[in-house]
Amino acid sequence: LRRASAYANGMVYVVLYGGMNRILVMDVEGNTRKTIHVPLQEGDEFRLCYDYVGQSQGHLHLIYHAYLDLDCDEIPPENQSYELFIWVLEDYDTEEWVLKDTVSSLKLFGSMSPGTTNDFEVVAVHPDHNLVFLIQHYKDELISYNMDSKVVCRLCTLDPGYVPIFPYVPYFSELPALEKKH
């Protein structure tokens, strides 16, 4: 199970699981600075699966997918659609979340692998654009979803047995221009 966590704006953000529906905010020394409530859609019929927390365009983003309990025999799992919710923390102090976009798994992938609801993972959100990168494990595909144009683009097919993908984050502290001057 992958934990949704990120380093952004000088803090570490970790989604707390187990029905807590909060994001723990810690400084780099591990001291808790705050907990932020996770935004939820109305209705108890959804079961949540946190996919991603990270920064884009200067704001914290939370992405999760929600789906109905799969006790329904009428619709096979590969044809059920689960919604991906993309939230932005607009105001850190008041904890004001804005729902930026929702998209169905059928729009993103066409279908899911039989018998599973966690057939994909969110890899990253572009730091400067409304672009989400995802992997569909069933087809070993890396895709992007543009929140502005609603276009899904298949970027590449991954080799079987690919290793997890982590976004590149530059390490600037060793640059001469950033050295501390006494």
C-alpha atoms as a PDB file:
ATOM      1  CA  LEU A   1       0.000   0.000   0.000  1.00  0.00           C
ATOM      2  CA  ARG A   2       1.469   3.313  -1.079  1.00  0.00           C
ATOM      3  CA  ARG A   3       1.112   6.210   1.327  1.00  0.00           C
ATOM      4  CA  ALA A   4       0.130   9.604  -0.046  1.00  0.00           C
ATOM      5  CA  SER A   5       2.799  12.044   1.121  1.00  0.00           C
ATOM      6  CA  ALA A   6       4.769  14.975  -0.256  1.00  0.00           C
ATOM      7  CA  TYR A   7       7.251  17.691   0.524  1.00  0.00           C
ATOM      8  CA  ALA A   8       5.914  21.111  -0.473  1.00  0.00           C
ATOM      9  CA  ASN A   9       6.280  24.701   0.711  1.00  0.00           C
ATOM     10  CA  GLY A  10       8.950  23.643   3.227  1.00  0.00           C
ATOM     11  CA  MET A  11       6.674  21.128   4.976  1.00  0.00           C
ATOM     12  CA  VAL A  12       5.984  17.395   4.795  1.00  0.00           C
ATOM     13  CA  TYR A  13       2.345  16.461   4.141  1.00  0.00           C
ATOM     14  CA  VAL A  14       1.107  12.949   4.982  1.00  0.00           C
ATOM     15  CA  VAL A  15      -2.454  11.698   4.469  1.00  0.00           C
ATOM     16  CA  LEU A  16      -3.663   9.865   7.578  1.00  0.00           C
ATOM     17  CA  TYR A  17      -5.589   6.697   6.761  1.00  0.00           C
ATOM     18  CA  GLY A  18      -8.045   4.639   8.778  1.00  0.00           C
ATOM     19  CA  GLY A  19     -11.069   6.917   8.582  1.00  0.00           C
ATOM     20  CA  MET A  20      -9.200   9.939   9.959  1.00  0.00           C
ATOM     21  CA  ASN A  21      -9.536  11.964   6.744  1.00  0.00           C
ATOM     22  CA  ARG A  22      -6.802  14.411   7.671  1.00  0.00           C
ATOM     23  CA  ILE A  23      -3.449  15.513   6.338  1.00  0.00           C
ATOM     24  CA  LEU A  24      -0.669  15.770   8.883  1.00  0.00           C
ATOM     25  CA  VAL A  25       1.655  18.739   8.297  1.00  0.00           C
ATOM     26  CA  MET A  26       5.170  18.401   9.726  1.00  0.00           C
ATOM     27  CA  ASP A  27       8.324  20.458   9.518  1.00  0.00           C
ATOM     28  CA  VAL A  28      11.491  18.824   8.215  1.00  0.00           C
ATOM     29  CA  GLU A  29      12.514  17.893  11.767  1.00  0.00           C
ATOM     30  CA  GLY A  30       9.338  15.822  12.224  1.00  0.00           C
ATOM     31  CA  ASN A  31       7.455  18.243  14.488  1.00  0.00           C
ATOM     32  CA  THR A  32       3.712  18.343  13.864  1.00  0.00           C
ATOM     33  CA  ARG A  33       2.667  21.829  12.811  1.00  0.00           C
ATOM     34  CA  LYS A  34      -0.952  21.284  11.868  1.00  0.00           C
ATOM     35  CA  THR A  35      -3.565  18.815  10.701  1.00  0.00           C
ATOM     36  CA  ILE A  36      -5.749  19.722   7.740  1.00  0.00           C
ATOM     37  CA  HIS A  37      -9.171  18.214   7.123  1.00  0.00           C
ATOM     38  CA  VAL A  38      -9.485  16.303   3.856  1.00  0.00           C
ATOM     39  CA  PRO A  39     -12.356  17.466   1.653  1.00  0.00           C
ATOM     40  CA  LEU A  40     -15.024  14.846   1.052  1.00  0.00           C
ATOM     41  CA  GLN A  41     -17.879  14.508  -1.368  1.00  0.00           C
ATOM     42  CA  GLU A  42     -21.312  14.262   0.193  1.00  0.00           C
ATOM     43  CA  GLY A  43     -22.767  10.821   0.727  1.00  0.00           C
ATOM     44  CA  ASP A  44     -21.657   7.830   2.724  1.00  0.00           C
ATOM     45  CA  GLU A  45     -21.874   5.415  -0.187  1.00  0.00           C
ATOM     46  CA  PHE A  46     -18.328   6.206  -1.329  1.00  0.00           C
ATOM     47  CA  ARG A  47     -15.280   4.354  -0.135  1.00  0.00           C
ATOM     48  CA  LEU A  48     -12.177   6.518  -0.523  1.00  0.00           C
ATOM     49  CA  CYS A  49      -8.745   5.598  -1.767  1.00  0.00           C
ATOM     50  CA  TYR A  50      -6.149   8.369  -1.442  1.00  0.00           C
ATOM     51  CA  ASP A  51      -3.927   8.502  -4.491  1.00  0.00           C
ATOM     52  CA  TYR A  52      -1.744  11.579  -4.358  1.00  0.00           C
ATOM     53  CA  VAL A  53      -0.809  14.675  -2.417  1.00  0.00           C
ATOM     54  CA  GLY A  54       1.635  17.216  -3.824  1.00  0.00           C
ATOM     55  CA  GLN A  55       2.221  20.744  -5.033  1.00  0.00           C
ATOM     56  CA  SER A  56       1.326  22.368  -8.325  1.00  0.00           C
ATOM     57  CA  GLN A  57       1.205  26.048  -9.207  1.00  0.00           C
ATOM     58  CA  GLY A  58       2.033  26.985  -5.615  1.00  0.00           C
ATOM     59  CA  HIS A  59      -0.908  25.089  -4.083  1.00  0.00           C
ATOM     60  CA  LEU A  60      -1.272  21.767  -2.324  1.00  0.00           C
ATOM     61  CA  HIS A  61      -3.256  19.255  -4.387  1.00  0.00           C
ATOM     62  CA  LEU A  62      -5.049  16.162  -3.099  1.00  0.00           C
ATOM     63  CA  ILE A  63      -6.259  13.519  -5.514  1.00  0.00           C
ATOM     64  CA  TYR A  64      -8.357  10.554  -4.494  1.00  0.00           C
ATOM     65  CA  HIS A  65     -10.735   8.175  -6.151  1.00  0.00           C
ATOM     66  CA  ALA A  66     -14.029   7.013  -4.749  1.00  0.00           C
ATOM     67  CA  TYR A  67     -16.156   4.079  -5.762  1.00  0.00           C
ATOM     68  CA  LEU A  68     -19.288   2.299  -4.731  1.00  0.00           C
ATOM     69  CA  ASP A  69     -19.051  -0.954  -2.827  1.00  0.00           C
ATOM     70  CA  LEU A  70     -18.750  -3.682  -5.412  1.00  0.00           C
ATOM     71  CA  ASP A  71     -21.619  -5.866  -4.233  1.00  0.00           C
ATOM     72  CA  CYS A  72     -23.401  -5.153  -7.487  1.00  0.00           C
ATOM     73  CA  ASP A  73     -23.543  -8.183  -9.796  1.00  0.00           C
ATOM     74  CA  GLU A  74     -25.313  -6.286 -12.552  1.00  0.00           C
ATOM     75  CA  ILE A  75     -22.252  -4.359 -13.782  1.00  0.00           C
ATOM     76  CA  PRO A  76     -18.939  -6.171 -14.246  1.00  0.00           C
ATOM     77  CA  PRO A  77     -16.007  -4.433 -12.452  1.00  0.00           C
ATOM     78  CA  GLU A  78     -14.226  -3.580 -15.720  1.00  0.00           C
ATOM     79  CA  ASN A  79     -17.258  -1.504 -16.788  1.00  0.00           C
ATOM     80  CA  GLN A  80     -17.834   0.263 -13.462  1.00  0.00           C
ATOM     81  CA  SER A  81     -16.695   3.841 -13.335  1.00  0.00           C
ATOM     82  CA  TYR A  82     -14.890   5.284 -10.360  1.00  0.00           C
ATOM     83  CA  GLU A  83     -14.497   9.021  -9.975  1.00  0.00           C
ATOM     84  CA  LEU A  84     -11.127  10.696  -9.546  1.00  0.00           C
ATOM     85  CA  PHE A  85     -11.481  13.879  -7.445  1.00  0.00           C
ATOM     86  CA  ILE A  86      -8.822  16.589  -7.792  1.00  0.00           C
ATOM     87  CA  TRP A  87      -8.824  19.114  -4.937  1.00  0.00           C
ATOM     88  CA  VAL A  88      -6.731  22.258  -4.397  1.00  0.00           C
ATOM     89  CA  LEU A  89      -6.052  23.854  -1.018  1.00  0.00           C
ATOM     90  CA  GLU A  90      -6.791  27.496  -1.845  1.00  0.00           C
ATOM     91  CA  ASP A  91      -6.299  28.898   1.654  1.00  0.00           C
ATOM     92  CA  TYR A  92      -3.908  27.157   4.026  1.00  0.00           C
ATOM     93  CA  ASP A  93      -5.071  29.099   7.123  1.00  0.00           C
ATOM     94  CA  THR A  94      -8.826  28.550   6.686  1.00  0.00           C
ATOM     95  CA  GLU A  95      -8.353  25.095   5.104  1.00  0.00           C
ATOM     96  CA  GLU A  96     -10.505  26.103   2.138  1.00  0.00           C
ATOM     97  CA  TRP A  97     -10.445  23.319  -0.456  1.00  0.00           C
ATOM     98  CA  VAL A  98     -11.738  23.837  -3.994  1.00  0.00           C
ATOM     99  CA  LEU A  99     -12.769  20.911  -6.185  1.00  0.00           C
ATOM    100  CA  LYS A 100     -10.714  21.554  -9.304  1.00  0.00           C
ATOM    101  CA  ASP A 101     -11.921  18.625 -11.404  1.00  0.00           C
ATOM    102  CA  THR A 102     -13.489  15.186 -11.440  1.00  0.00           C
ATOM    103  CA  VAL A 103     -12.951  12.560 -14.082  1.00  0.00           C
ATOM    104  CA  SER A 104     -14.195   8.994 -14.404  1.00  0.00           C
ATOM    105  CA  SER A 105     -11.919   5.999 -14.739  1.00  0.00           C
ATOM    106  CA  LEU A 106     -13.792   5.061 -17.919  1.00  0.00           C
ATOM    107  CA  LYS A 107     -12.826   8.431 -19.444  1.00  0.00           C
ATOM    108  CA  LEU A 108      -9.207   7.946 -18.396  1.00  0.00           C
ATOM    109  CA  PHE A 109      -8.712   4.279 -19.220  1.00  0.00           C
ATOM    110  CA  GLY A 110     -11.724   2.966 -21.124  1.00  0.00           C
ATOM    111  CA  SER A 111     -11.972   0.007 -18.736  1.00  0.00           C
ATOM    112  CA  MET A 112     -10.426  -1.373 -15.582  1.00  0.00           C
ATOM    113  CA  SER A 113      -8.794  -4.752 -15.131  1.00  0.00           C
ATOM    114  CA  PRO A 114     -11.357  -7.401 -14.176  1.00  0.00           C
ATOM    115  CA  GLY A 115     -11.968  -7.715 -10.449  1.00  0.00           C
ATOM    116  CA  THR A 116     -10.022  -4.684  -9.221  1.00  0.00           C
ATOM    117  CA  THR A 117     -10.706  -1.049  -8.397  1.00  0.00           C
ATOM    118  CA  ASN A 118      -7.122  -0.003  -7.718  1.00  0.00           C
ATOM    119  CA  ASP A 119      -5.771  -0.694 -11.193  1.00  0.00           C
ATOM    120  CA  PHE A 120      -4.105   2.709 -11.487  1.00  0.00           C
ATOM    121  CA  GLU A 121      -1.976   5.152  -9.571  1.00  0.00           C
ATOM    122  CA  VAL A 122      -1.429   8.872  -9.788  1.00  0.00           C
ATOM    123  CA  VAL A 123       2.280   9.486 -10.360  1.00  0.00           C
ATOM    124  CA  ALA A 124       2.454  13.296 -10.331  1.00  0.00           C
ATOM    125  CA  VAL A 125       0.815  16.612 -11.056  1.00  0.00           C
ATOM    126  CA  HIS A 126       2.742  18.941 -13.349  1.00  0.00           C
ATOM    127  CA  PRO A 127       4.293  21.731 -11.240  1.00  0.00           C
ATOM    128  CA  ASP A 128       3.118  24.533 -13.569  1.00  0.00           C
ATOM    129  CA  HIS A 129       0.125  23.192 -15.510  1.00  0.00           C
ATOM    130  CA  ASN A 130      -3.217  21.478 -14.907  1.00  0.00           C
ATOM    131  CA  LEU A 131      -1.827  18.111 -15.970  1.00  0.00           C
ATOM    132  CA  VAL A 132      -2.043  14.825 -14.033  1.00  0.00           C
ATOM    133  CA  PHE A 133       0.145  11.803 -14.822  1.00  0.00           C
ATOM    134  CA  LEU A 134      -1.174   8.297 -14.113  1.00  0.00           C
ATOM    135  CA  ILE A 135      -0.241   4.676 -14.698  1.00  0.00           C
ATOM    136  CA  GLN A 136      -2.810   2.051 -15.584  1.00  0.00           C
ATOM    137  CA  HIS A 137      -1.269  -1.190 -14.361  1.00  0.00           C
ATOM    138  CA  TYR A 138      -3.586  -3.462 -16.348  1.00  0.00           C
ATOM    139  CA  LYS A 139      -2.244  -2.124 -19.645  1.00  0.00           C
ATOM    140  CA  ASP A 140       1.157  -0.931 -18.332  1.00  0.00           C
ATOM    141  CA  GLU A 141       0.443   2.526 -19.760  1.00  0.00           C
ATOM    142  CA  LEU A 142       1.614   5.945 -18.635  1.00  0.00           C
ATOM    143  CA  ILE A 143      -1.035   8.539 -19.469  1.00  0.00           C
ATOM    144  CA  SER A 144      -1.645  12.221 -18.890  1.00  0.00           C
ATOM    145  CA  TYR A 145      -4.924  13.974 -18.238  1.00  0.00           C
ATOM    146  CA  ASN A 146      -5.267  17.681 -19.029  1.00  0.00           C
ATOM    147  CA  MET A 147      -7.786  19.245 -16.640  1.00  0.00           C
ATOM    148  CA  ASP A 148      -8.299  22.272 -18.897  1.00  0.00           C
ATOM    149  CA  SER A 149      -8.961  20.548 -22.220  1.00  0.00           C
ATOM    150  CA  LYS A 150     -10.193  17.214 -20.684  1.00  0.00           C
ATOM    151  CA  VAL A 151      -7.860  15.385 -23.095  1.00  0.00           C
ATOM    152  CA  VAL A 152      -6.378  12.020 -22.145  1.00  0.00           C
ATOM    153  CA  CYS A 153      -3.056  11.227 -23.814  1.00  0.00           C
ATOM    154  CA  ARG A 154      -1.362   7.842 -23.804  1.00  0.00           C
ATOM    155  CA  LEU A 155       2.312   8.690 -23.387  1.00  0.00           C
ATOM    156  CA  CYS A 156       3.947   5.265 -23.536  1.00  0.00           C
ATOM    157  CA  THR A 157       3.662   1.589 -22.732  1.00  0.00           C
ATOM    158  CA  LEU A 158       5.913   0.577 -19.859  1.00  0.00           C
ATOM    159  CA  ASP A 159       8.066  -2.544 -19.991  1.00  0.00           C
ATOM    160  CA  PRO A 160       6.696  -5.509 -18.023  1.00  0.00           C
ATOM    161  CA  GLY A 161       8.104  -5.490 -14.503  1.00  0.00           C
ATOM    162  CA  TYR A 162       8.740  -1.733 -14.538  1.00  0.00           C
ATOM    163  CA  VAL A 163       9.901  -0.156 -11.310  1.00  0.00           C
ATOM    164  CA  PRO A 164       7.800   2.467  -9.504  1.00  0.00           C
ATOM    165  CA  ILE A 165       7.879   5.915 -11.057  1.00  0.00           C
ATOM    166  CA  PHE A 166       8.761   8.891  -8.898  1.00  0.00           C
ATOM    167  CA  PRO A 167       8.747  12.467 -10.192  1.00  0.00           C
ATOM    168  CA  TYR A 168      12.107  14.206 -10.492  1.00  0.00           C
ATOM    169  CA  VAL A 169      12.625  16.829  -7.808  1.00  0.00           C
ATOM    170  CA  PRO A 170      15.810  18.876  -8.199  1.00  0.00           C
ATOM    171  CA  TYR A 171      18.136  19.217  -5.208  1.00  0.00           C
ATOM    172  CA  PHE A 172      19.249  22.844  -5.133  1.00  0.00           C
ATOM    173  CA  SER A 173      20.935  23.165  -1.742  1.00  0.00           C
ATOM    174  CA  GLU A 174      24.402  22.435  -3.121  1.00  0.00           C
ATOM    175  CA  LEU A 175      24.304  25.161  -5.788  1.00  0.00           C
ATOM    176  CA  PRO A 176      26.920  27.862  -5.142  1.00  0.00           C
ATOM    177  CA  ALA A 177      24.311  30.592  -5.603  1.00  0.00           C
ATOM    178  CA  LEU A 178      22.327  29.189  -2.662  1.00  0.00           C
ATOM    179  CA  GLU A 179      25.200  28.796  -0.214  1.00  0.00           C
ATOM    180  CA  LYS A 180      24.655  30.536   3.105  1.00  0.00           C
ATOM    181  CA  LYS A 181      26.717  33.675   3.378  1.00  0.00           C
ATOM    182  CA  HIS A 182      28.092  34.466   6.856  1.00  0.00           C
END
